[in-house]
Amino acid sequence: MGPWRCLLLLPLLAPAVGAQQQQFMEYVERRLSLLEERISQWHDQSSRYSTELRDFKNQVVGMLEMAEKEREAMRAEAESAAVRVDRLEREVDYLETQNPAPPCVEVDETLMDKQVATAKQRKNEKYDKLTDCSDTIASIRAMKILKRFGSSSGLWTKDAAGNSDKIYVFDGTANDTVYVFPRMREFTLFSASRKAARIKLPYPWVGTGHLVYDGHLYYIRQQGPFQVIKFNLANKTVVDSSVFPAEEQIPVFGLSPFTYIEVAADEEGLWAIYATKEDEKNICLAKLDPNSLDIEQMWDTPCPRENAEAAFVVCGALHVVYNTRLPSRSRVQCVFDVSGTLAPEDASLVYFPKRYGSHSSMKYNPRERQLYAWDDGYQINYRMEMKKKLEV
């Protein structure tokens, strides 16, 4: 074929060659696109498997930590049970030497009668103070409203004896869960409940008379006879319990019918504020042993239950807060000093600033010299001005 013929065929062959190149490029692009798609799928699957593996690892670590905590709690509970069993065996041995083989129910009644009799022997005696605290409240120096949290009635407090900054909140007047905030700052946040740990108690609580003292929670059990439960906050176990030796108890405060026992703390230690049918009109006071929950001494106070809404103890003196049926301005109108240093008529009449309604609880913190109050759902701090009892 001559050169002139080749030149004539080139225009005819050029479109065919171009079409083949175009098809080849499209084929290569499709293969590259498919390869990229597979690489993307592999990357997504690898990332998902890595996330699942990491979550599974965290879950296993959490389960191991929880198992270790449960093991420690069971060990502590077993040790506590062993101590209580040993103490019970010693008491049974002693009772058997005094009264041969009495029934178990009679043993419990005998112990109860003995405890009541011992406490009543020292009833209304002058109290021998454990500290040199001689202060009393002169006035309310300052008030700070923290926030509004939970129900209209409740309790919030710190550890009255320890150095912890934790805030403990009992929302309502009957429940089985306690909110715990690490510091005041977390409690004051808008979404406070999200920042709180929760402690589910073995028995439900009732009222607002509970107390956190030296790493333990002292609370009133809801069901059955009024029982004070001592709960260890570190290992979440019940350390001890005691049925309060008072027959036919009634609400201690006329304006707070949900509280039958108010456990309080001051510079002298632990106290119980209560009322009975025997002396229905007035409030009673008892000194408690924080270790054994035994009642060391009891007093009948001249402070009436009617129109009382809360009470607390400062330097061995009971301060009862009163209001009206239609909530007005709260005031400390009755003071009873167990040591006899301060006469009721010599105590200052302390008024609280009028806020929202009436207080469902007031907890005195002897370390900070202030009250943690719950006023119609608002959490309030009252800082107090103190004076010597002899100066009032």
Protein backbone atom coordinates (compact mmCIF):
# COMPACT_ATOMS: atom_id res chain seq x y z
CA MET A 1 0.00 0.00 0.00
CA GLY A 2 1.41 3.28 -0.97
CA PRO A 3 1.97 6.18 1.31
CA TRP A 4 -0.84 8.10 -0.20
CA ARG A 5 -3.28 5.32 0.70
CA CYS A 6 -2.16 5.37 4.40
CA LEU A 7 -2.79 9.02 4.51
CA LEU A 8 -6.28 8.41 3.21
CA LEU A 9 -7.00 5.79 5.96
CA LEU A 10 -5.80 7.90 8.93
CA PRO A 11 -8.97 10.00 9.16
CA LEU A 12 -11.00 6.80 9.17
CA LEU A 13 -8.93 5.05 11.92
CA ALA A 14 -8.63 8.05 14.29
CA PRO A 15 -12.22 7.91 15.66
CA ALA A 16 -11.92 4.16 16.36
CA VAL A 17 -8.68 4.62 18.29
CA GLY A 18 -10.18 7.51 20.29
CA ALA A 19 -13.23 5.43 21.18
CA GLN A 20 -11.05 2.60 22.46
CA GLN A 21 -9.01 5.02 24.61
CA GLN A 22 -12.22 6.52 26.02
CA GLN A 23 -13.56 3.06 26.90
CA PHE A 24 -10.25 2.15 28.54
CA MET A 25 -10.25 5.30 30.65
CA GLU A 26 -13.84 4.70 31.74
CA TYR A 27 -12.94 1.14 32.68
CA VAL A 28 -9.95 2.34 34.73
CA GLU A 29 -12.10 4.95 36.45
CA ARG A 30 -14.77 2.37 37.33
CA ARG A 31 -12.13 0.06 38.81
CA LEU A 32 -10.57 2.90 40.79
CA SER A 33 -14.00 3.98 42.07
CA LEU A 34 -14.79 0.42 43.12
CA LEU A 35 -11.41 0.15 44.85
CA GLU A 36 -11.98 3.43 46.69
CA GLU A 37 -15.42 2.25 47.79
CA ARG A 38 -13.97 -0.98 49.16
CA ILE A 39 -11.18 0.91 50.94
CA SER A 40 -13.81 3.22 52.51
CA GLN A 41 -15.89 0.22 53.63
CA TRP A 42 -12.80 -1.39 55.10
CA HIS A 43 -11.93 1.83 56.93
CA ASP A 44 -15.48 2.14 58.37
CA GLN A 45 -15.52 -1.49 59.48
CA SER A 46 -12.06 -1.17 61.01
CA SER A 47 -13.11 1.98 62.87
CA ARG A 48 -16.31 0.32 64.11
CA TYR A 49 -14.47 -2.80 65.25
CA SER A 50 -11.89 -0.62 67.01
CA THR A 51 -14.66 1.34 68.80
CA GLU A 52 -16.46 -1.85 69.81
CA LEU A 53 -13.22 -3.34 71.08
CA ARG A 54 -12.47 -0.19 73.10
CA ASP A 55 -16.01 -0.13 74.55
CA PHE A 56 -15.75 -3.81 75.43
CA LYS A 57 -12.42 -3.19 77.13
CA ASN A 58 -13.88 -0.28 79.16
CA GLN A 59 -16.89 -2.42 80.07
CA VAL A 60 -14.65 -5.26 81.25
CA VAL A 61 -12.50 -2.83 83.28
CA GLY A 62 -15.64 -1.31 84.83
CA MET A 63 -17.01 -4.74 85.69
CA LEU A 64 -13.70 -5.73 87.28
CA GLU A 65 -13.65 -2.53 89.35
CA MET A 66 -17.27 -3.07 90.40
CA ALA A 67 -16.52 -6.68 91.32
CA GLU A 68 -13.56 -5.53 93.41
CA LYS A 69 -15.72 -2.94 95.21
CA GLU A 70 -18.42 -5.52 95.84
CA ARG A 71 -15.82 -7.91 97.17
CA GLU A 72 -14.50 -5.26 99.55
CA ALA A 73 -18.05 -4.35 100.60
CA MET A 74 -18.88 -8.00 101.27
CA ARG A 75 -15.69 -8.40 103.26
CA ALA A 76 -16.46 -5.30 105.35
CA GLU A 77 -20.05 -6.45 105.82
CA ALA A 78 -18.85 -9.88 106.90
CA GLU A 79 -16.45 -8.32 109.40
CA SER A 80 -19.21 -6.07 110.73
CA ALA A 81 -21.58 -9.01 111.01
CA ALA A 82 -18.92 -10.98 112.87
CA VAL A 83 -18.46 -8.15 115.37
CA ARG A 84 -22.21 -7.85 115.91
CA VAL A 85 -22.59 -11.61 116.30
CA ASP A 86 -19.79 -11.64 118.85
CA ARG A 87 -21.43 -8.80 120.77
CA LEU A 88 -24.79 -10.56 120.62
CA GLU A 89 -23.25 -13.79 121.89
CA ARG A 90 -21.75 -11.97 124.87
CA GLU A 91 -25.11 -10.36 125.67
CA VAL A 92 -26.90 -13.71 125.40
CA ASP A 93 -24.33 -15.36 127.67
CA TYR A 94 -24.83 -12.65 130.26
CA LEU A 95 -28.63 -12.89 130.07
CA GLU A 96 -28.55 -16.65 130.38
CA THR A 97 -26.60 -16.35 133.62
CA GLN A 98 -29.29 -13.98 134.96
CA ASN A 99 -32.42 -15.65 133.54
CA PRO A 100 -32.08 -19.22 132.28
CA ALA A 101 -33.14 -19.72 128.66
CA PRO A 102 -35.78 -16.97 128.16
CA PRO A 103 -37.45 -16.77 124.74
CA CYS A 104 -35.86 -14.50 122.13
CA VAL A 105 -38.76 -12.05 122.18
CA GLU A 106 -38.55 -11.75 125.93
CA VAL A 107 -34.81 -11.10 125.68
CA ASP A 108 -35.45 -8.22 123.30
CA GLU A 109 -38.15 -6.79 125.57
CA THR A 110 -35.88 -7.16 128.59
CA LEU A 111 -33.07 -5.32 126.85
CA MET A 112 -35.47 -2.59 125.77
CA ASP A 113 -36.93 -2.19 129.26
CA LYS A 114 -33.46 -2.09 130.74
CA GLN A 115 -32.34 0.59 128.29
CA VAL A 116 -35.42 2.70 128.95
CA ALA A 117 -35.07 2.28 132.72
CA THR A 118 -31.38 3.25 132.63
CA ALA A 119 -32.11 6.33 130.55
CA LYS A 120 -35.04 7.38 132.75
CA GLN A 121 -32.88 7.11 135.87
CA ARG A 122 -30.81 9.95 134.50
CA LYS A 123 -33.79 11.82 133.10
CA ASN A 124 -33.70 15.59 133.61
CA GLU A 125 -30.36 15.44 135.42
CA LYS A 126 -27.84 18.20 134.90
CA TYR A 127 -25.56 17.41 131.96
CA ASP A 128 -21.78 17.12 132.43
CA LYS A 129 -20.37 18.90 129.39
CA LEU A 130 -17.67 17.25 127.28
CA THR A 131 -16.29 20.49 125.81
CA ASP A 132 -15.73 24.07 126.92
CA CYS A 133 -18.22 25.44 124.38
CA SER A 134 -20.18 28.25 126.03
CA ASP A 135 -21.61 30.08 123.00
CA THR A 136 -25.18 30.78 122.10
CA ILE A 137 -26.86 32.43 119.11
CA ALA A 138 -27.18 36.20 119.24
CA SER A 139 -28.61 36.84 115.76
CA ILE A 140 -28.58 35.78 112.12
CA ARG A 141 -25.54 37.48 110.60
CA ALA A 142 -26.11 36.60 106.94
CA MET A 143 -28.32 34.53 104.68
CA LYS A 144 -27.46 32.98 101.31
CA ILE A 145 -29.97 31.32 98.98
CA LEU A 146 -28.15 28.61 97.04
CA LYS A 147 -30.85 27.36 94.64
CA ARG A 148 -34.15 25.52 94.38
CA PHE A 149 -33.85 21.75 94.15
CA GLY A 150 -36.43 19.02 94.46
CA SER A 151 -39.59 18.91 96.54
CA SER A 152 -41.04 21.53 98.89
CA SER A 153 -39.77 19.47 101.87
CA GLY A 154 -36.38 17.88 102.25
CA LEU A 155 -32.95 18.03 103.84
CA TRP A 156 -29.47 19.02 102.72
CA THR A 157 -26.34 18.94 104.84
CA LYS A 158 -22.61 18.35 105.13
CA ASP A 159 -20.73 15.98 107.43
CA ALA A 160 -21.07 17.68 110.82
CA ALA A 161 -17.86 16.12 112.19
CA GLY A 162 -15.58 15.37 109.20
CA ASN A 163 -13.63 17.63 106.85
CA SER A 164 -15.43 16.54 103.68
CA ASP A 165 -16.90 19.13 101.30
CA LYS A 166 -19.55 16.71 100.04
CA ILE A 167 -23.19 17.79 100.03
CA TYR A 168 -25.85 15.23 100.94
CA VAL A 169 -29.43 15.81 99.79
CA PHE A 170 -32.60 14.00 100.90
CA ASP A 171 -35.32 15.04 98.46
CA GLY A 172 -38.82 14.72 99.90
CA THR A 173 -39.97 13.11 103.13
CA ALA A 174 -39.92 9.42 102.12
CA ASN A 175 -37.48 7.74 99.75
CA ASP A 176 -34.54 5.34 99.60
CA THR A 177 -32.03 7.36 97.55
CA VAL A 178 -29.61 10.07 98.71
CA TYR A 179 -27.95 12.54 96.29
CA VAL A 180 -24.25 13.20 96.91
CA PHE A 181 -22.45 16.17 95.34
CA PRO A 182 -18.65 16.41 95.54
CA ARG A 183 -18.64 20.13 96.40
CA MET A 184 -20.95 23.10 96.79
CA ARG A 185 -20.10 24.28 93.27
CA GLU A 186 -21.52 21.16 91.63
CA PHE A 187 -24.65 21.42 93.74
CA THR A 188 -25.32 25.02 92.68
CA LEU A 189 -25.15 24.22 88.95
CA PHE A 190 -28.40 24.44 87.00
CA SER A 191 -28.39 20.74 86.07
CA ALA A 192 -27.31 19.69 89.54
CA SER A 193 -28.84 16.21 89.54
CA ARG A 194 -26.58 15.18 86.64
CA LYS A 195 -23.50 15.97 88.73
CA ALA A 196 -24.66 13.92 91.71
CA ALA A 197 -23.83 10.41 92.75
CA ARG A 198 -26.69 8.38 94.19
CA ILE A 199 -26.66 6.15 97.26
CA LYS A 200 -29.50 3.65 97.41
CA LEU A 201 -30.08 2.80 101.06
CA PRO A 202 -30.95 -0.74 102.21
CA TYR A 203 -34.09 0.55 103.96
CA PRO A 204 -36.25 3.54 102.93
CA TRP A 205 -36.08 6.67 105.08
CA VAL A 206 -38.87 8.86 106.42
CA GLY A 207 -38.99 12.47 107.57
CA THR A 208 -36.21 15.07 107.50
CA GLY A 209 -34.43 14.29 110.76
CA HIS A 210 -31.38 12.54 109.31
CA LEU A 211 -27.72 13.39 109.94
CA VAL A 212 -24.29 12.85 108.39
CA TYR A 213 -21.68 12.59 111.13
CA ASP A 214 -18.05 11.39 110.98
CA GLY A 215 -18.42 9.41 107.78
CA HIS A 216 -21.71 7.79 108.78
CA LEU A 217 -25.32 8.46 107.90
CA TYR A 218 -27.80 8.30 110.76
CA TYR A 219 -31.29 8.05 109.32
CA ILE A 220 -34.80 7.06 110.40
CA ARG A 221 -36.16 3.87 108.87
CA GLN A 222 -39.58 4.21 107.28
CA GLN A 223 -41.19 0.83 107.98
CA GLY A 224 -41.96 -0.76 111.33
CA PRO A 225 -41.04 0.85 114.67
CA PHE A 226 -39.02 4.05 114.49
CA GLN A 227 -35.50 2.76 114.07
CA VAL A 228 -32.26 4.76 113.79
CA ILE A 229 -29.97 3.19 111.18
CA LYS A 230 -26.22 3.84 111.26
CA PHE A 231 -24.93 3.54 107.67
CA ASN A 232 -21.25 3.62 106.69
CA LEU A 233 -20.90 5.95 103.69
CA ALA A 234 -17.48 4.57 102.70
CA ASN A 235 -18.35 0.92 102.20
CA LYS A 236 -22.15 1.37 101.85
CA THR A 237 -23.05 -1.02 104.68
CA VAL A 238 -25.27 -0.88 107.76
CA VAL A 239 -23.02 -0.68 110.82
CA ASP A 240 -25.68 -0.74 113.53
CA SER A 241 -29.30 0.05 114.27
CA SER A 242 -31.37 0.85 117.32
CA VAL A 243 -35.09 0.94 118.01
CA PHE A 244 -35.76 4.22 119.78
CA PRO A 245 -36.94 3.34 123.33
CA ALA A 246 -39.98 5.58 123.48
CA GLU A 247 -43.51 4.24 123.44
CA GLU A 248 -46.21 5.75 121.23
CA GLN A 249 -44.13 8.35 119.48
CA ILE A 250 -45.78 11.29 117.77
CA PRO A 251 -44.43 13.89 115.30
CA VAL A 252 -41.88 16.01 117.12
CA PHE A 253 -42.85 19.27 115.33
CA GLY A 254 -46.44 20.44 115.02
CA LEU A 255 -45.83 21.98 111.58
CA SER A 256 -43.74 19.07 110.26
CA PRO A 257 -45.91 15.95 110.72
CA PHE A 258 -43.50 13.78 108.71
CA THR A 259 -40.62 13.94 111.26
CA TYR A 260 -40.78 11.70 114.33
CA ILE A 261 -37.09 11.76 115.33
CA GLU A 262 -34.61 14.56 114.63
CA VAL A 263 -30.98 13.44 114.91
CA ALA A 264 -28.79 16.48 115.53
CA ALA A 265 -25.12 17.22 116.14
CA ASP A 266 -23.25 20.01 117.90
CA GLU A 267 -19.93 20.56 119.64
CA GLU A 268 -20.92 17.98 122.29
CA GLY A 269 -21.77 15.16 119.87
CA LEU A 270 -25.04 13.47 118.88
CA TRP A 271 -28.57 14.25 120.08
CA ALA A 272 -32.08 12.98 119.39
CA ILE A 273 -35.07 15.33 119.43
CA TYR A 274 -38.42 13.55 119.72
CA ALA A 275 -41.88 13.55 121.32
CA THR A 276 -44.08 10.94 122.99
CA LYS A 277 -47.72 10.47 123.98
CA GLU A 278 -46.65 10.57 127.64
CA ASP A 279 -45.82 14.26 127.32
CA GLU A 280 -47.70 15.15 124.19
CA LYS A 281 -47.44 18.93 124.45
CA ASN A 282 -43.67 19.37 124.79
CA ILE A 283 -40.52 18.26 122.97
CA CYS A 284 -38.08 15.76 124.49
CA LEU A 285 -34.30 15.61 124.13
CA ALA A 286 -31.82 12.74 124.46
CA LYS A 287 -28.03 12.46 124.29
CA LEU A 288 -26.84 9.63 122.01
CA ASP A 289 -23.66 7.59 121.91
CA PRO A 290 -22.57 7.83 118.23
CA ASN A 291 -20.80 4.47 118.39
CA SER A 292 -23.46 2.25 119.98
CA LEU A 293 -26.57 4.45 119.48
CA ASP A 294 -27.34 3.98 123.18
CA ILE A 295 -29.22 6.76 124.98
CA GLU A 296 -26.97 8.29 127.63
CA GLN A 297 -29.42 10.77 129.13
CA MET A 298 -32.94 12.15 128.54
CA TRP A 299 -34.71 15.44 129.28
CA ASP A 300 -38.27 16.78 129.20
CA THR A 301 -38.01 20.30 127.79
CA PRO A 302 -40.45 23.20 128.30
CA CYS A 303 -40.54 23.80 124.52
CA PRO A 304 -44.02 23.14 123.07
CA ARG A 305 -44.63 21.07 119.94
CA GLU A 306 -47.41 23.34 118.72
CA ASN A 307 -46.33 25.59 115.82
CA ALA A 308 -42.77 24.17 115.94
CA GLU A 309 -41.28 23.58 112.50
CA ALA A 310 -37.64 22.59 113.20
CA ALA A 311 -34.98 22.40 115.93
CA PHE A 312 -31.22 22.11 116.34
CA VAL A 313 -28.66 21.98 119.18
CA VAL A 314 -25.80 24.46 119.72
CA CYS A 315 -23.28 23.96 122.55
CA GLY A 316 -25.63 21.66 124.43
CA ALA A 317 -28.66 23.95 124.12
CA LEU A 318 -31.78 22.96 122.20
CA HIS A 319 -33.12 25.72 119.94
CA VAL A 320 -36.69 25.24 118.68
CA VAL A 321 -37.88 27.21 115.64
CA TYR A 322 -41.52 28.28 115.45
CA ASN A 323 -43.80 29.59 112.72
CA THR A 324 -47.55 29.83 112.10
CA ARG A 325 -50.05 27.64 110.28
CA LEU A 326 -50.03 30.19 107.48
CA PRO A 327 -46.25 30.46 106.98
CA SER A 328 -44.81 33.68 108.32
CA ARG A 329 -41.44 34.72 109.76
CA SER A 330 -39.61 31.87 111.53
CA ARG A 331 -38.09 32.51 114.95
CA VAL A 332 -36.22 30.72 117.74
CA GLN A 333 -38.68 31.13 120.57
CA CYS A 334 -37.62 28.40 123.01
CA VAL A 335 -34.12 27.48 124.21
CA PHE A 336 -33.36 24.64 126.62
CA ASP A 337 -29.79 24.35 127.94
CA VAL A 338 -29.04 20.88 129.36
CA SER A 339 -26.13 22.21 131.44
CA GLY A 340 -28.27 24.88 133.11
CA THR A 341 -25.86 27.66 132.14
CA LEU A 342 -28.38 29.57 130.06
CA ALA A 343 -31.85 30.25 131.45
CA PRO A 344 -34.65 30.20 128.83
CA GLU A 345 -35.72 33.75 129.70
CA ASP A 346 -32.15 35.01 129.14
CA ALA A 347 -31.81 33.63 125.60
CA SER A 348 -32.00 35.97 122.61
CA LEU A 349 -35.14 35.87 120.51
CA VAL A 350 -33.70 35.09 117.06
CA TYR A 351 -35.70 35.88 113.90
CA PHE A 352 -34.98 34.40 110.47
CA PRO A 353 -35.53 36.59 107.38
CA LYS A 354 -38.93 36.00 105.80
CA ARG A 355 -38.54 34.10 102.55
CA TYR A 356 -40.86 31.58 100.93
CA GLY A 357 -42.77 29.46 103.42
CA SER A 358 -41.66 27.42 106.42
CA HIS A 359 -38.59 25.31 107.07
CA SER A 360 -38.92 21.55 106.74
CA SER A 361 -35.39 21.05 108.14
CA MET A 362 -32.51 22.93 109.75
CA LYS A 363 -29.11 21.30 110.28
CA TYR A 364 -26.46 22.97 112.41
CA ASN A 365 -22.83 22.48 111.35
CA PRO A 366 -20.56 23.07 114.38
CA ARG A 367 -17.42 23.34 112.20
CA GLU A 368 -18.82 26.17 110.08
CA ARG A 369 -21.15 27.72 112.68
CA GLN A 370 -24.00 27.90 110.18
CA LEU A 371 -27.36 26.29 109.43
CA TYR A 372 -28.30 24.32 106.33
CA ALA A 373 -32.02 24.99 105.86
CA TRP A 374 -34.69 23.78 103.42
CA ASP A 375 -37.41 26.42 102.91
CA ASP A 376 -40.24 25.40 100.56
CA GLY A 377 -37.81 23.75 98.12
CA TYR A 378 -35.10 26.43 98.44
CA GLN A 379 -31.73 25.54 99.96
CA ILE A 380 -30.49 28.30 102.28
CA ASN A 381 -27.41 28.94 104.44
CA TYR A 382 -27.79 30.96 107.64
CA ARG A 383 -24.59 32.31 109.18
CA MET A 384 -25.00 33.11 112.85
CA GLU A 385 -23.61 35.72 115.18
CA MET A 386 -22.56 34.02 118.44
CA LYS A 387 -22.17 35.32 122.01
CA LYS A 388 -21.07 33.80 125.29
CA LYS A 389 -23.95 32.49 127.36
CA LEU A 390 -23.01 34.60 130.35
CA GLU A 391 -23.01 37.74 128.15
CA VAL A 392 -26.56 37.27 126.88
